[in-house]
C-alpha atoms as a PDB file:
ATOM      1  CA  MET A   1     121.041  52.046  55.678  1.00  0.00           C
ATOM      2  CA  ALA A   2     119.383  53.654  58.572  1.00  0.00           C
ATOM      3  CA  LYS A   3     122.208  56.249  58.916  1.00  0.00           C
ATOM      4  CA  SER A   4     121.687  57.277  55.273  1.00  0.00           C
ATOM      5  CA  MET A   5     117.878  57.825  55.776  1.00  0.00           C
ATOM      6  CA  LYS A   6     118.624  59.957  58.781  1.00  0.00           C
ATOM      7  CA  ALA A   7     121.030  62.097  56.624  1.00  0.00           C
ATOM      8  CA  TYR A   8     118.443  62.391  53.814  1.00  0.00           C
ATOM      9  CA  SER A   9     115.701  63.637  56.383  1.00  0.00           C
ATOM     10  CA  SER A  10     118.005  66.190  57.864  1.00  0.00           C
ATOM     11  CA  TYR A  11     118.721  67.389  54.373  1.00  0.00           C
ATOM     12  CA  PHE A  12     114.850  67.756  53.779  1.00  0.00           C
ATOM     13  CA  VAL A  13     114.311  69.583  56.989  1.00  0.00           C
ATOM     14  CA  VAL A  14     117.002  71.978  56.017  1.00  0.00           C
ATOM     15  CA  LEU A  15     115.589  72.452  52.394  1.00  0.00           C
ATOM     16  CA  PHE A  16     112.085  72.986  53.908  1.00  0.00           C
ATOM     17  CA  VAL A  17     113.279  75.938  56.336  1.00  0.00           C
ATOM     18  CA  LEU A  18     115.176  77.360  53.472  1.00  0.00           C
ATOM     19  CA  ILE A  19     112.029  77.296  51.338  1.00  0.00           C
ATOM     20  CA  LEU A  20     110.197  78.925  54.013  1.00  0.00           C
ATOM     21  CA  LEU A  21     112.736  81.634  54.570  1.00  0.00           C
ATOM     22  CA  VAL A  22     112.942  82.382  50.846  1.00  0.00           C
ATOM     23  CA  HIS A  23     109.353  82.511  50.123  1.00  0.00           C
ATOM     24  CA  PRO A  24     107.630  83.567  53.505  1.00  0.00           C
ATOM     25  CA  GLY A  25     104.067  83.762  51.647  1.00  0.00           C
ATOM     26  CA  MET A  26     104.039  79.803  52.057  1.00  0.00           C
ATOM     27  CA  ALA A  27     103.945  80.081  55.804  1.00  0.00           C
ATOM     28  CA  VAL A  28     100.873  80.676  57.673  1.00  0.00           C
ATOM     29  CA  THR A  29     100.486  84.119  59.027  1.00  0.00           C
ATOM     30  CA  THR A  30      98.156  85.650  61.595  1.00  0.00           C
ATOM     31  CA  LYS A  31      98.985  89.291  60.935  1.00  0.00           C
ATOM     32  CA  LYS A  32      95.799  91.245  59.918  1.00  0.00           C
ATOM     33  CA  ASP A  33      95.788  93.186  56.735  1.00  0.00           C
ATOM     34  CA  THR A  34      95.426  96.863  57.553  1.00  0.00           C
ATOM     35  CA  ASN A  35      95.641  98.194  53.910  1.00  0.00           C
ATOM     36  CA  LYS A  36      92.275  96.917  52.726  1.00  0.00           C
ATOM     37  CA  VAL A  37      90.294  99.397  50.741  1.00  0.00           C
ATOM     38  CA  CYS A  38      86.436  99.488  50.405  1.00  0.00           C
ATOM     39  CA  GLU A  39      84.636 100.729  47.397  1.00  0.00           C
ATOM     40  CA  ARG A  40      81.450 102.729  47.522  1.00  0.00           C
ATOM     41  CA  ARG A  41      79.637 104.613  44.755  1.00  0.00           C
ATOM     42  CA  SER A  42      79.958 108.404  45.255  1.00  0.00           C
ATOM     43  CA  GLN A  43      77.233 109.986  47.175  1.00  0.00           C
ATOM     44  CA  THR A  44      77.803 113.473  45.834  1.00  0.00           C
ATOM     45  CA  TRP A  45      78.528 112.898  42.204  1.00  0.00           C
ATOM     46  CA  SER A  46      75.541 113.056  39.602  1.00  0.00           C
ATOM     47  CA  GLY A  47      75.540 112.325  36.125  1.00  0.00           C
ATOM     48  CA  TYR A  48      78.078 110.649  33.720  1.00  0.00           C
ATOM     49  CA  CYS A  49      81.601 110.122  35.116  1.00  0.00           C
ATOM     50  CA  GLY A  50      84.012 110.696  32.139  1.00  0.00           C
ATOM     51  CA  ASP A  51      87.121 112.119  33.917  1.00  0.00           C
ATOM     52  CA  SER A  52      88.674 110.018  36.811  1.00  0.00           C
ATOM     53  CA  LYS A  53      90.841 112.906  37.961  1.00  0.00           C
ATOM     54  CA  HIS A  54      87.720 115.058  38.601  1.00  0.00           C
ATOM     55  CA  CYS A  55      85.981 112.097  40.639  1.00  0.00           C
ATOM     56  CA  ASP A  56      89.206 111.504  42.521  1.00  0.00           C
ATOM     57  CA  GLN A  57      89.234 115.209  43.548  1.00  0.00           C
ATOM     58  CA  GLN A  58      85.538 115.138  44.616  1.00  0.00           C
ATOM     59  CA  CYS A  59      85.857 111.927  46.462  1.00  0.00           C
ATOM     60  CA  ARG A  60      88.883 113.007  48.443  1.00  0.00           C
ATOM     61  CA  GLU A  61      87.649 116.672  49.210  1.00  0.00           C
ATOM     62  CA  TRP A  62      83.951 116.061  49.586  1.00  0.00           C
ATOM     63  CA  GLU A  63      83.652 112.560  51.004  1.00  0.00           C
ATOM     64  CA  GLY A  64      87.058 112.011  52.733  1.00  0.00           C
ATOM     65  CA  ALA A  65      88.126 109.058  50.732  1.00  0.00           C
ATOM     66  CA  ALA A  66      91.492 107.940  50.098  1.00  0.00           C
ATOM     67  CA  HIS A  67      90.872 108.188  46.249  1.00  0.00           C
ATOM     68  CA  GLY A  68      88.215 107.861  43.518  1.00  0.00           C
ATOM     69  CA  ALA A  69      87.782 106.837  39.973  1.00  0.00           C
ATOM     70  CA  CYS A  70      85.334 106.484  37.148  1.00  0.00           C
ATOM     71  CA  HIS A  71      84.087 102.969  36.558  1.00  0.00           C
ATOM     72  CA  ARG A  72      81.505 101.296  34.259  1.00  0.00           C
ATOM     73  CA  GLN A  73      78.176 100.554  35.989  1.00  0.00           C
ATOM     74  CA  GLY A  74      75.363  99.367  33.933  1.00  0.00           C
ATOM     75  CA  VAL A  75      75.358 101.151  30.545  1.00  0.00           C
ATOM     76  CA  GLY A  76      77.131 104.308  31.685  1.00  0.00           C
ATOM     77  CA  ARG A  77      79.965 105.204  33.927  1.00  0.00           C
ATOM     78  CA  ALA A  78      79.694 106.155  37.619  1.00  0.00           C
ATOM     79  CA  CYS A  79      82.136 107.774  40.131  1.00  0.00           C
ATOM     80  CA  PHE A  80      83.340 105.245  42.844  1.00  0.00           C
ATOM     81  CA  CYS A  81      85.238 106.380  46.123  1.00  0.00           C
ATOM     82  CA  TYR A  82      87.866 104.242  47.787  1.00  0.00           C
ATOM     83  CA  PHE A  83      88.172 104.221  51.486  1.00  0.00           C
ATOM     84  CA  ASN A  84      90.579 102.610  53.954  1.00  0.00           C
ATOM     85  CA  CYS A  85      88.341  99.863  55.762  1.00  0.00           C
END
């Protein structure tokens, strides 16, 4: 009986290693995420933001952001810029 328990435990270890290889998100990682994006309301946009394309262009050209988009804020819409943190 001890021999069969040892066989089962080795199968369990192999199965566990296979699961970690197939789904590495289950393993603990220490690598920092360098793709974080920080959101900030545009400092150069004024008024209602109705077209995200214009907001995006202004954020990139005037504020050096990665991109921009119009989002709801309160009762209106504002231009938000996104920067790499």
